[in-house]
Amino acid sequence: MQRLLGSRKKASERRRTHDHYLKGSLFCGSCGSRMQLDFPANRQGVRYAYYVCSGRASKRKNCTRRAVPVGIAEQLVADCYRDIAITEEQYAALAAQV
């Protein structure tokens, strides 16, 4: 029995922390839960990076948001920041305060 448990331990993959600059700052647009970084593998063992709703993943919420590839999440965030701008007057007022 002990030998069987030991062999399972060797064959399993160790969980690692995966860092990404958006990790911890994205929230689900459907239920408001935090989006978590996930690296599922296909049949050939190739891993892909996705953001998954933690409410859906843990089944705490009845969320229907599907996984979002990291590249698409990065583009959506970049699109949001592109729309954020201040006028010359606002810039001058802020510069005067500093």
PDB file of N, CA and C in Angstrom:
ATOM      1  N   MET A   1       0.823  -1.193   0.000  1.00  0.00           N
ATOM      2  CA  MET A   1       0.000   0.000   0.000  1.00  0.00           C
ATOM      3  C   MET A   1       0.870   1.260   0.000  1.00  0.00           C
ATOM      4  N   GLN A   2       1.890   1.279   0.854  1.00  0.00           N
ATOM      5  CA  GLN A   2       2.761   2.446   0.946  1.00  0.00           C
ATOM      6  C   GLN A   2       3.503   2.680  -0.370  1.00  0.00           C
ATOM      7  N   ARG A   3       3.890   1.591  -1.040  1.00  0.00           N
ATOM      8  CA  ARG A   3       4.590   1.702  -2.312  1.00  0.00           C
ATOM      9  C   ARG A   3       3.678   2.344  -3.365  1.00  0.00           C
ATOM     10  N   LEU A   4       2.407   1.984  -3.344  1.00  0.00           N
ATOM     11  CA  LEU A   4       1.441   2.543  -4.287  1.00  0.00           C
ATOM     12  C   LEU A   4       1.271   4.045  -4.062  1.00  0.00           C
ATOM     13  N   LEU A   5       1.183   4.450  -2.822  1.00  0.00           N
ATOM     14  CA  LEU A   5       1.058   5.879  -2.517  1.00  0.00           C
ATOM     15  C   LEU A   5       2.308   6.645  -2.948  1.00  0.00           C
ATOM     16  N   GLY A   6       3.464   6.054  -2.745  1.00  0.00           N
ATOM     17  CA  GLY A   6       4.716   6.700  -3.146  1.00  0.00           C
ATOM     18  C   GLY A   6       4.821   6.863  -4.649  1.00  0.00           C
ATOM     19  N   SER A   7       4.348   5.879  -5.413  1.00  0.00           N
ATOM     20  CA  SER A   7       4.430   5.973  -6.867  1.00  0.00           C
ATOM     21  C   SER A   7       3.471   7.039  -7.398  1.00  0.00           C
ATOM     22  N   ARG A   8       2.339   7.202  -6.761  1.00  0.00           N
ATOM     23  CA  ARG A   8       1.401   8.258  -7.175  1.00  0.00           C
ATOM     24  C   ARG A   8       1.986   9.637  -6.928  1.00  0.00           C
ATOM     25  N   LYS A   9       2.728   9.760  -5.843  1.00  0.00           N
ATOM     26  CA  LYS A   9       3.336  11.031  -5.510  1.00  0.00           C
ATOM     27  C   LYS A   9       4.363  11.444  -6.564  1.00  0.00           C
ATOM     28  N   LYS A  10       5.133  10.507  -7.059  1.00  0.00           N
ATOM     29  CA  LYS A  10       6.160  10.799  -8.055  1.00  0.00           C
ATOM     30  C   LYS A  10       5.545  11.177  -9.399  1.00  0.00           C
ATOM     31  N   ALA A  11       4.443  10.563  -9.751  1.00  0.00           N
ATOM     32  CA  ALA A  11       3.845  10.793 -11.061  1.00  0.00           C
ATOM     33  C   ALA A  11       3.063  12.099 -11.130  1.00  0.00           C
ATOM     34  N   SER A  12       2.665  12.625 -10.002  1.00  0.00           N
ATOM     35  CA  SER A  12       1.847  13.831 -10.026  1.00  0.00           C
ATOM     36  C   SER A  12       2.700  15.061 -10.294  1.00  0.00           C
ATOM     37  N   GLU A  13       2.067  16.074 -10.830  1.00  0.00           N
ATOM     38  CA  GLU A  13       2.764  17.322 -11.135  1.00  0.00           C
ATOM     39  C   GLU A  13       2.653  18.262  -9.949  1.00  0.00           C
ATOM     40  N   ARG A  14       3.745  18.895  -9.633  1.00  0.00           N
ATOM     41  CA  ARG A  14       3.766  19.823  -8.515  1.00  0.00           C
ATOM     42  C   ARG A  14       3.100  21.137  -8.923  1.00  0.00           C
ATOM     43  N   ARG A  15       2.250  21.658  -8.052  1.00  0.00           N
ATOM     44  CA  ARG A  15       1.605  22.951  -8.318  1.00  0.00           C
ATOM     45  C   ARG A  15       2.629  24.054  -8.134  1.00  0.00           C
ATOM     46  N   ARG A  16       2.619  25.010  -9.044  1.00  0.00           N
ATOM     47  CA  ARG A  16       3.545  26.129  -8.985  1.00  0.00           C
ATOM     48  C   ARG A  16       2.764  27.431  -8.990  1.00  0.00           C
ATOM     49  N   THR A  17       3.387  28.452  -8.455  1.00  0.00           N
ATOM     50  CA  THR A  17       2.748  29.757  -8.537  1.00  0.00           C
ATOM     51  C   THR A  17       3.082  30.360  -9.890  1.00  0.00           C
ATOM     52  N   HIS A  18       2.094  30.913 -10.539  1.00  0.00           N
ATOM     53  CA  HIS A  18       2.281  31.517 -11.844  1.00  0.00           C
ATOM     54  C   HIS A  18       2.022  33.011 -11.712  1.00  0.00           C
ATOM     55  N   ASP A  19       3.014  33.790 -12.087  1.00  0.00           N
ATOM     56  CA  ASP A  19       2.896  35.235 -11.972  1.00  0.00           C
ATOM     57  C   ASP A  19       2.514  35.847 -13.313  1.00  0.00           C
ATOM     58  N   HIS A  20       1.642  36.815 -13.252  1.00  0.00           N
ATOM     59  CA  HIS A  20       1.241  37.580 -14.422  1.00  0.00           C
ATOM     60  C   HIS A  20       0.884  38.966 -13.922  1.00  0.00           C
ATOM     61  N   TYR A  21       1.198  39.994 -14.693  1.00  0.00           N
ATOM     62  CA  TYR A  21       1.003  41.353 -14.204  1.00  0.00           C
ATOM     63  C   TYR A  21      -0.465  41.725 -13.982  1.00  0.00           C
ATOM     64  N   LEU A  22      -1.406  41.005 -14.572  1.00  0.00           N
ATOM     65  CA  LEU A  22      -2.831  41.276 -14.333  1.00  0.00           C
ATOM     66  C   LEU A  22      -3.416  40.402 -13.221  1.00  0.00           C
ATOM     67  N   LYS A  23      -2.643  39.461 -12.733  1.00  0.00           N
ATOM     68  CA  LYS A  23      -3.126  38.532 -11.716  1.00  0.00           C
ATOM     69  C   LYS A  23      -3.552  39.291 -10.462  1.00  0.00           C
ATOM     70  N   GLY A  24      -4.782  39.064 -10.036  1.00  0.00           N
ATOM     71  CA  GLY A  24      -5.313  39.714  -8.843  1.00  0.00           C
ATOM     72  C   GLY A  24      -6.044  41.009  -9.109  1.00  0.00           C
ATOM     73  N   SER A  25      -6.020  41.484 -10.346  1.00  0.00           N
ATOM     74  CA  SER A  25      -6.671  42.763 -10.626  1.00  0.00           C
ATOM     75  C   SER A  25      -7.856  42.642 -11.577  1.00  0.00           C
ATOM     76  N   LEU A  26      -8.184  41.437 -12.013  1.00  0.00           N
ATOM     77  CA  LEU A  26      -9.317  41.237 -12.911  1.00  0.00           C
ATOM     78  C   LEU A  26     -10.485  40.628 -12.152  1.00  0.00           C
ATOM     79  N   PHE A  27     -11.690  41.103 -12.476  1.00  0.00           N
ATOM     80  CA  PHE A  27     -12.901  40.587 -11.846  1.00  0.00           C
ATOM     81  C   PHE A  27     -13.897  40.190 -12.924  1.00  0.00           C
ATOM     82  N   CYS A  28     -14.716  39.201 -12.632  1.00  0.00           N
ATOM     83  CA  CYS A  28     -15.710  38.682 -13.567  1.00  0.00           C
ATOM     84  C   CYS A  28     -16.777  39.742 -13.826  1.00  0.00           C
ATOM     85  N   GLY A  29     -17.084  39.967 -15.088  1.00  0.00           N
ATOM     86  CA  GLY A  29     -18.109  40.922 -15.449  1.00  0.00           C
ATOM     87  C   GLY A  29     -19.513  40.401 -15.208  1.00  0.00           C
ATOM     88  N   SER A  30     -19.664  39.090 -15.026  1.00  0.00           N
ATOM     89  CA  SER A  30     -20.990  38.506 -14.814  1.00  0.00           C
ATOM     90  C   SER A  30     -21.382  38.463 -13.341  1.00  0.00           C
ATOM     91  N   CYS A  31     -20.472  37.963 -12.490  1.00  0.00           N
ATOM     92  CA  CYS A  31     -20.851  37.774 -11.082  1.00  0.00           C
ATOM     93  C   CYS A  31     -20.010  38.597 -10.106  1.00  0.00           C
ATOM     94  N   GLY A  32     -18.933  39.226 -10.573  1.00  0.00           N
ATOM     95  CA  GLY A  32     -18.115  40.065  -9.702  1.00  0.00           C
ATOM     96  C   GLY A  32     -17.016  39.342  -8.948  1.00  0.00           C
ATOM     97  N   SER A  33     -16.881  38.032  -9.142  1.00  0.00           N
ATOM     98  CA  SER A  33     -15.820  37.278  -8.469  1.00  0.00           C
ATOM     99  C   SER A  33     -14.478  37.591  -9.112  1.00  0.00           C
ATOM    100  N   ARG A  34     -13.420  37.317  -8.383  1.00  0.00           N
ATOM    101  CA  ARG A  34     -12.076  37.522  -8.906  1.00  0.00           C
ATOM    102  C   ARG A  34     -11.786  36.495 -10.008  1.00  0.00           C
ATOM    103  N   MET A  35     -11.034  36.923 -11.027  1.00  0.00           N
ATOM    104  CA  MET A  35     -10.603  36.016 -12.085  1.00  0.00           C
ATOM    105  C   MET A  35      -9.265  35.407 -11.666  1.00  0.00           C
ATOM    106  N   GLN A  36      -9.147  34.100 -11.789  1.00  0.00           N
ATOM    107  CA  GLN A  36      -7.914  33.424 -11.392  1.00  0.00           C
ATOM    108  C   GLN A  36      -7.193  32.883 -12.619  1.00  0.00           C
ATOM    109  N   LEU A  37      -5.877  32.873 -12.548  1.00  0.00           N
ATOM    110  CA  LEU A  37      -5.042  32.405 -13.643  1.00  0.00           C
ATOM    111  C   LEU A  37      -4.986  30.888 -13.620  1.00  0.00           C
ATOM    112  N   ASP A  38      -5.216  30.271 -14.773  1.00  0.00           N
ATOM    113  CA  ASP A  38      -5.233  28.815 -14.872  1.00  0.00           C
ATOM    114  C   ASP A  38      -4.426  28.393 -16.096  1.00  0.00           C
ATOM    115  N   PHE A  39      -3.784  27.241 -16.008  1.00  0.00           N
ATOM    116  CA  PHE A  39      -2.974  26.712 -17.095  1.00  0.00           C
ATOM    117  C   PHE A  39      -3.403  25.284 -17.425  1.00  0.00           C
ATOM    118  N   PRO A  40      -4.555  25.102 -18.081  1.00  0.00           N
ATOM    119  CA  PRO A  40      -4.968  23.738 -18.447  1.00  0.00           C
ATOM    120  C   PRO A  40      -4.091  23.204 -19.591  1.00  0.00           C
ATOM    121  N   ALA A  41      -4.049  21.882 -19.717  1.00  0.00           N
ATOM    122  CA  ALA A  41      -3.261  21.240 -20.772  1.00  0.00           C
ATOM    123  C   ALA A  41      -4.189  20.488 -21.720  1.00  0.00           C
ATOM    124  N   ASN A  42      -3.825  20.467 -23.002  1.00  0.00           N
ATOM    125  CA  ASN A  42      -4.604  19.688 -23.958  1.00  0.00           C
ATOM    126  C   ASN A  42      -4.111  18.242 -23.954  1.00  0.00           C
ATOM    127  N   ARG A  43      -4.596  17.415 -24.859  1.00  0.00           N
ATOM    128  CA  ARG A  43      -4.237  15.991 -24.876  1.00  0.00           C
ATOM    129  C   ARG A  43      -2.757  15.757 -25.141  1.00  0.00           C
ATOM    130  N   GLN A  44      -2.141  16.679 -25.863  1.00  0.00           N
ATOM    131  CA  GLN A  44      -0.722  16.539 -26.168  1.00  0.00           C
ATOM    132  C   GLN A  44       0.169  17.089 -25.051  1.00  0.00           C
ATOM    133  N   GLY A  45      -0.416  17.657 -24.025  1.00  0.00           N
ATOM    134  CA  GLY A  45       0.334  18.188 -22.898  1.00  0.00           C
ATOM    135  C   GLY A  45       0.728  19.644 -23.039  1.00  0.00           C
ATOM    136  N   VAL A  46       0.262  20.311 -24.100  1.00  0.00           N
ATOM    137  CA  VAL A  46       0.567  21.727 -24.293  1.00  0.00           C
ATOM    138  C   VAL A  46      -0.306  22.544 -23.343  1.00  0.00           C
ATOM    139  N   ARG A  47       0.317  23.453 -22.614  1.00  0.00           N
ATOM    140  CA  ARG A  47      -0.417  24.264 -21.634  1.00  0.00           C
ATOM    141  C   ARG A  47      -0.784  25.617 -22.229  1.00  0.00           C
ATOM    142  N   TYR A  48      -1.971  26.089 -21.868  1.00  0.00           N
ATOM    143  CA  TYR A  48      -2.481  27.377 -22.315  1.00  0.00           C
ATOM    144  C   TYR A  48      -2.864  28.198 -21.101  1.00  0.00           C
ATOM    145  N   ALA A  49      -2.619  29.506 -21.154  1.00  0.00           N
ATOM    146  CA  ALA A  49      -2.940  30.390 -20.038  1.00  0.00           C
ATOM    147  C   ALA A  49      -4.332  30.989 -20.241  1.00  0.00           C
ATOM    148  N   TYR A  50      -5.170  30.872 -19.224  1.00  0.00           N
ATOM    149  CA  TYR A  50      -6.528  31.407 -19.242  1.00  0.00           C
ATOM    150  C   TYR A  50      -6.838  32.079 -17.915  1.00  0.00           C
ATOM    151  N   TYR A  51      -7.752  33.036 -17.957  1.00  0.00           N
ATOM    152  CA  TYR A  51      -8.342  33.573 -16.737  1.00  0.00           C
ATOM    153  C   TYR A  51      -9.717  32.947 -16.583  1.00  0.00           C
ATOM    154  N   VAL A  52      -9.995  32.427 -15.395  1.00  0.00           N
ATOM    155  CA  VAL A  52     -11.241  31.727 -15.105  1.00  0.00           C
ATOM    156  C   VAL A  52     -11.908  32.399 -13.915  1.00  0.00           C
ATOM    157  N   CYS A  53     -13.216  32.533 -13.965  1.00  0.00           N
ATOM    158  CA  CYS A  53     -13.981  33.098 -12.851  1.00  0.00           C
ATOM    159  C   CYS A  53     -13.851  32.172 -11.637  1.00  0.00           C
ATOM    160  N   SER A  54     -13.381  32.707 -10.513  1.00  0.00           N
ATOM    161  CA  SER A  54     -13.202  31.872  -9.328  1.00  0.00           C
ATOM    162  C   SER A  54     -14.549  31.434  -8.747  1.00  0.00           C
ATOM    163  N   GLY A  55     -15.599  32.240  -8.938  1.00  0.00           N
ATOM    164  CA  GLY A  55     -16.930  31.845  -8.475  1.00  0.00           C
ATOM    165  C   GLY A  55     -17.442  30.634  -9.223  1.00  0.00           C
ATOM    166  N   ARG A  56     -17.187  30.594 -10.530  1.00  0.00           N
ATOM    167  CA  ARG A  56     -17.599  29.445 -11.330  1.00  0.00           C
ATOM    168  C   ARG A  56     -16.715  28.236 -11.037  1.00  0.00           C
ATOM    169  N   ALA A  57     -15.404  28.458 -10.910  1.00  0.00           N
ATOM    170  CA  ALA A  57     -14.474  27.357 -10.682  1.00  0.00           C
ATOM    171  C   ALA A  57     -14.743  26.646  -9.358  1.00  0.00           C
ATOM    172  N   SER A  58     -15.093  27.415  -8.330  1.00  0.00           N
ATOM    173  CA  SER A  58     -15.357  26.816  -7.018  1.00  0.00           C
ATOM    174  C   SER A  58     -16.821  26.445  -6.827  1.00  0.00           C
ATOM    175  N   LYS A  59     -17.657  26.767  -7.825  1.00  0.00           N
ATOM    176  CA  LYS A  59     -19.095  26.490  -7.793  1.00  0.00           C
ATOM    177  C   LYS A  59     -19.798  27.216  -6.644  1.00  0.00           C
ATOM    178  N   ARG A  60     -19.232  28.348  -6.206  1.00  0.00           N
ATOM    179  CA  ARG A  60     -19.891  29.172  -5.183  1.00  0.00           C
ATOM    180  C   ARG A  60     -21.002  30.006  -5.791  1.00  0.00           C
ATOM    181  N   LYS A  61     -20.831  30.363  -7.067  1.00  0.00           N
ATOM    182  CA  LYS A  61     -21.824  31.189  -7.744  1.00  0.00           C
ATOM    183  C   LYS A  61     -22.261  30.482  -9.018  1.00  0.00           C
ATOM    184  N   ASN A  62     -23.423  30.847  -9.484  1.00  0.00           N
ATOM    185  CA  ASN A  62     -23.975  30.244 -10.693  1.00  0.00           C
ATOM    186  C   ASN A  62     -23.560  31.091 -11.904  1.00  0.00           C
ATOM    187  N   CYS A  63     -22.260  31.234 -12.108  1.00  0.00           N
ATOM    188  CA  CYS A  63     -21.722  32.094 -13.151  1.00  0.00           C
ATOM    189  C   CYS A  63     -21.603  31.317 -14.461  1.00  0.00           C
ATOM    190  N   THR A  64     -21.884  32.009 -15.560  1.00  0.00           N
ATOM    191  CA  THR A  64     -21.800  31.374 -16.876  1.00  0.00           C
ATOM    192  C   THR A  64     -20.641  31.909 -17.702  1.00  0.00           C
ATOM    193  N   ARG A  65     -19.766  32.728 -17.117  1.00  0.00           N
ATOM    194  CA  ARG A  65     -18.615  33.296 -17.831  1.00  0.00           C
ATOM    195  C   ARG A  65     -17.638  32.182 -18.196  1.00  0.00           C
ATOM    196  N   ARG A  66     -17.301  32.127 -19.469  1.00  0.00           N
ATOM    197  CA  ARG A  66     -16.345  31.121 -19.931  1.00  0.00           C
ATOM    198  C   ARG A  66     -14.923  31.615 -19.691  1.00  0.00           C
ATOM    199  N   ALA A  67     -13.957  30.708 -19.816  1.00  0.00           N
ATOM    200  CA  ALA A  67     -12.553  31.064 -19.640  1.00  0.00           C
ATOM    201  C   ALA A  67     -12.130  32.062 -20.716  1.00  0.00           C
ATOM    202  N   VAL A  68     -11.272  33.007 -20.325  1.00  0.00           N
ATOM    203  CA  VAL A  68     -10.793  34.046 -21.232  1.00  0.00           C
ATOM    204  C   VAL A  68      -9.285  33.847 -21.423  1.00  0.00           C
ATOM    205  N   PRO A  69      -8.830  33.647 -22.658  1.00  0.00           N
ATOM    206  CA  PRO A  69      -7.382  33.522 -22.877  1.00  0.00           C
ATOM    207  C   PRO A  69      -6.654  34.784 -22.406  1.00  0.00           C
ATOM    208  N   VAL A  70      -5.454  34.612 -21.891  1.00  0.00           N
ATOM    209  CA  VAL A  70      -4.697  35.720 -21.329  1.00  0.00           C
ATOM    210  C   VAL A  70      -4.480  36.826 -22.367  1.00  0.00           C
ATOM    211  N   GLY A  71      -4.206  36.467 -23.605  1.00  0.00           N
ATOM    212  CA  GLY A  71      -3.981  37.472 -24.646  1.00  0.00           C
ATOM    213  C   GLY A  71      -5.194  38.362 -24.866  1.00  0.00           C
ATOM    214  N   ILE A  72      -6.378  37.782 -24.827  1.00  0.00           N
ATOM    215  CA  ILE A  72      -7.605  38.567 -24.994  1.00  0.00           C
ATOM    216  C   ILE A  72      -7.834  39.448 -23.771  1.00  0.00           C
ATOM    217  N   ALA A  73      -7.577  38.931 -22.568  1.00  0.00           N
ATOM    218  CA  ALA A  73      -7.728  39.733 -21.352  1.00  0.00           C
ATOM    219  C   ALA A  73      -6.773  40.929 -21.379  1.00  0.00           C
ATOM    220  N   GLU A  74      -5.533  40.722 -21.825  1.00  0.00           N
ATOM    221  CA  GLU A  74      -4.573  41.821 -21.925  1.00  0.00           C
ATOM    222  C   GLU A  74      -5.059  42.879 -22.909  1.00  0.00           C
ATOM    223  N   GLN A  75      -5.612  42.442 -24.042  1.00  0.00           N
ATOM    224  CA  GLN A  75      -6.091  43.385 -25.048  1.00  0.00           C
ATOM    225  C   GLN A  75      -7.288  44.180 -24.537  1.00  0.00           C
ATOM    226  N   LEU A  76      -8.194  43.521 -23.806  1.00  0.00           N
ATOM    227  CA  LEU A  76      -9.350  44.220 -23.242  1.00  0.00           C
ATOM    228  C   LEU A  76      -8.929  45.283 -22.231  1.00  0.00           C
ATOM    229  N   VAL A  77      -7.931  44.971 -21.408  1.00  0.00           N
ATOM    230  CA  VAL A  77      -7.432  45.944 -20.435  1.00  0.00           C
ATOM    231  C   VAL A  77      -6.765  47.110 -21.167  1.00  0.00           C
ATOM    232  N   ALA A  78      -5.981  46.806 -22.188  1.00  0.00           N
ATOM    233  CA  ALA A  78      -5.324  47.867 -22.971  1.00  0.00           C
ATOM    234  C   ALA A  78      -6.364  48.764 -23.641  1.00  0.00           C
ATOM    235  N   ASP A  79      -7.440  48.180 -24.148  1.00  0.00           N
ATOM    236  CA  ASP A  79      -8.513  48.962 -24.766  1.00  0.00           C
ATOM    237  C   ASP A  79      -9.173  49.895 -23.755  1.00  0.00           C
ATOM    238  N   CYS A  80      -9.353  49.430 -22.528  1.00  0.00           N
ATOM    239  CA  CYS A  80      -9.948  50.273 -21.485  1.00  0.00           C
ATOM    240  C   CYS A  80      -9.037  51.447 -21.153  1.00  0.00           C
ATOM    241  N   TYR A  81      -7.743  51.200 -21.033  1.00  0.00           N
ATOM    242  CA  TYR A  81      -6.799  52.274 -20.706  1.00  0.00           C
ATOM    243  C   TYR A  81      -6.641  53.260 -21.854  1.00  0.00           C
ATOM    244  N   ARG A  82      -6.848  52.826 -23.080  1.00  0.00           N
ATOM    245  CA  ARG A  82      -6.748  53.720 -24.230  1.00  0.00           C
ATOM    246  C   ARG A  82      -7.824  54.803 -24.171  1.00  0.00           C
ATOM    247  N   ASP A  83      -8.980  54.473 -23.599  1.00  0.00           N
ATOM    248  CA  ASP A  83     -10.085  55.419 -23.528  1.00  0.00           C
ATOM    249  C   ASP A  83      -9.950  56.414 -22.369  1.00  0.00           C
ATOM    250  N   ILE A  84      -9.015  56.164 -21.469  1.00  0.00           N
ATOM    251  CA  ILE A  84      -8.824  57.048 -20.324  1.00  0.00           C
ATOM    252  C   ILE A  84      -7.874  58.170 -20.743  1.00  0.00           C
ATOM    253  N   ALA A  85      -8.347  59.391 -20.683  1.00  0.00           N
ATOM    254  CA  ALA A  85      -7.522  60.538 -21.053  1.00  0.00           C
ATOM    255  C   ALA A  85      -7.963  61.755 -20.254  1.00  0.00           C
ATOM    256  N   ILE A  86      -7.046  62.681 -20.078  1.00  0.00           N
ATOM    257  CA  ILE A  86      -7.399  63.932 -19.417  1.00  0.00           C
ATOM    258  C   ILE A  86      -7.147  65.067 -20.413  1.00  0.00           C
ATOM    259  N   THR A  87      -7.853  66.145 -20.193  1.00  0.00           N
ATOM    260  CA  THR A  87      -7.710  67.301 -21.072  1.00  0.00           C
ATOM    261  C   THR A  87      -6.459  68.091 -20.683  1.00  0.00           C
ATOM    262  N   GLU A  88      -6.071  69.036 -21.520  1.00  0.00           N
ATOM    263  CA  GLU A  88      -4.917  69.896 -21.232  1.00  0.00           C
ATOM    264  C   GLU A  88      -5.152  70.717 -19.969  1.00  0.00           C
ATOM    265  N   GLU A  89      -6.388  71.163 -19.774  1.00  0.00           N
ATOM    266  CA  GLU A  89      -6.716  71.960 -18.588  1.00  0.00           C
ATOM    267  C   GLU A  89      -6.581  71.130 -17.311  1.00  0.00           C
ATOM    268  N   GLN A  90      -7.049  69.873 -17.359  1.00  0.00           N
ATOM    269  CA  GLN A  90      -6.926  68.993 -16.202  1.00  0.00           C
ATOM    270  C   GLN A  90      -5.455  68.709 -15.905  1.00  0.00           C
ATOM    271  N   TYR A  91      -4.669  68.517 -16.960  1.00  0.00           N
ATOM    272  CA  TYR A  91      -3.234  68.270 -16.783  1.00  0.00           C
ATOM    273  C   TYR A  91      -2.558  69.470 -16.131  1.00  0.00           C
ATOM    274  N   ALA A  92      -2.883  70.664 -16.594  1.00  0.00           N
ATOM    275  CA  ALA A  92      -2.288  71.881 -16.044  1.00  0.00           C
ATOM    276  C   ALA A  92      -2.681  72.057 -14.583  1.00  0.00           C
ATOM    277  N   ALA A  93      -3.940  71.775 -14.252  1.00  0.00           N
ATOM    278  CA  ALA A  93      -4.393  71.894 -12.859  1.00  0.00           C
ATOM    279  C   ALA A  93      -3.673  70.884 -11.967  1.00  0.00           C
ATOM    280  N   LEU A  94      -3.503  69.651 -12.434  1.00  0.00           N
ATOM    281  CA  LEU A  94      -2.785  68.640 -11.658  1.00  0.00           C
ATOM    282  C   LEU A  94      -1.320  69.003 -11.496  1.00  0.00           C
ATOM    283  N   ALA A  95      -0.710  69.517 -12.558  1.00  0.00           N
ATOM    284  CA  ALA A  95       0.693  69.915 -12.487  1.00  0.00           C
ATOM    285  C   ALA A  95       0.888  71.056 -11.497  1.00  0.00           C
ATOM    286  N   ALA A  96      -0.066  71.955 -11.444  1.00  0.00           N
ATOM    287  CA  ALA A  96       0.020  73.077 -10.503  1.00  0.00           C
ATOM    288  C   ALA A  96      -0.088  72.611  -9.056  1.00  0.00           C
ATOM    289  N   GLN A  97      -0.872  71.563  -8.819  1.00  0.00           N
ATOM    290  CA  GLN A  97      -1.038  71.022  -7.467  1.00  0.00           C
ATOM    291  C   GLN A  97       0.206  70.290  -6.995  1.00  0.00           C
ATOM    292  N   VAL A  98       0.914  69.702  -7.932  1.00  0.00           N
ATOM    293  CA  VAL A  98       2.119  68.933  -7.584  1.00  0.00           C
ATOM    294  C   VAL A  98       3.259  69.884  -7.455  1.00  0.00           C
TER     295      VAL A  98
END
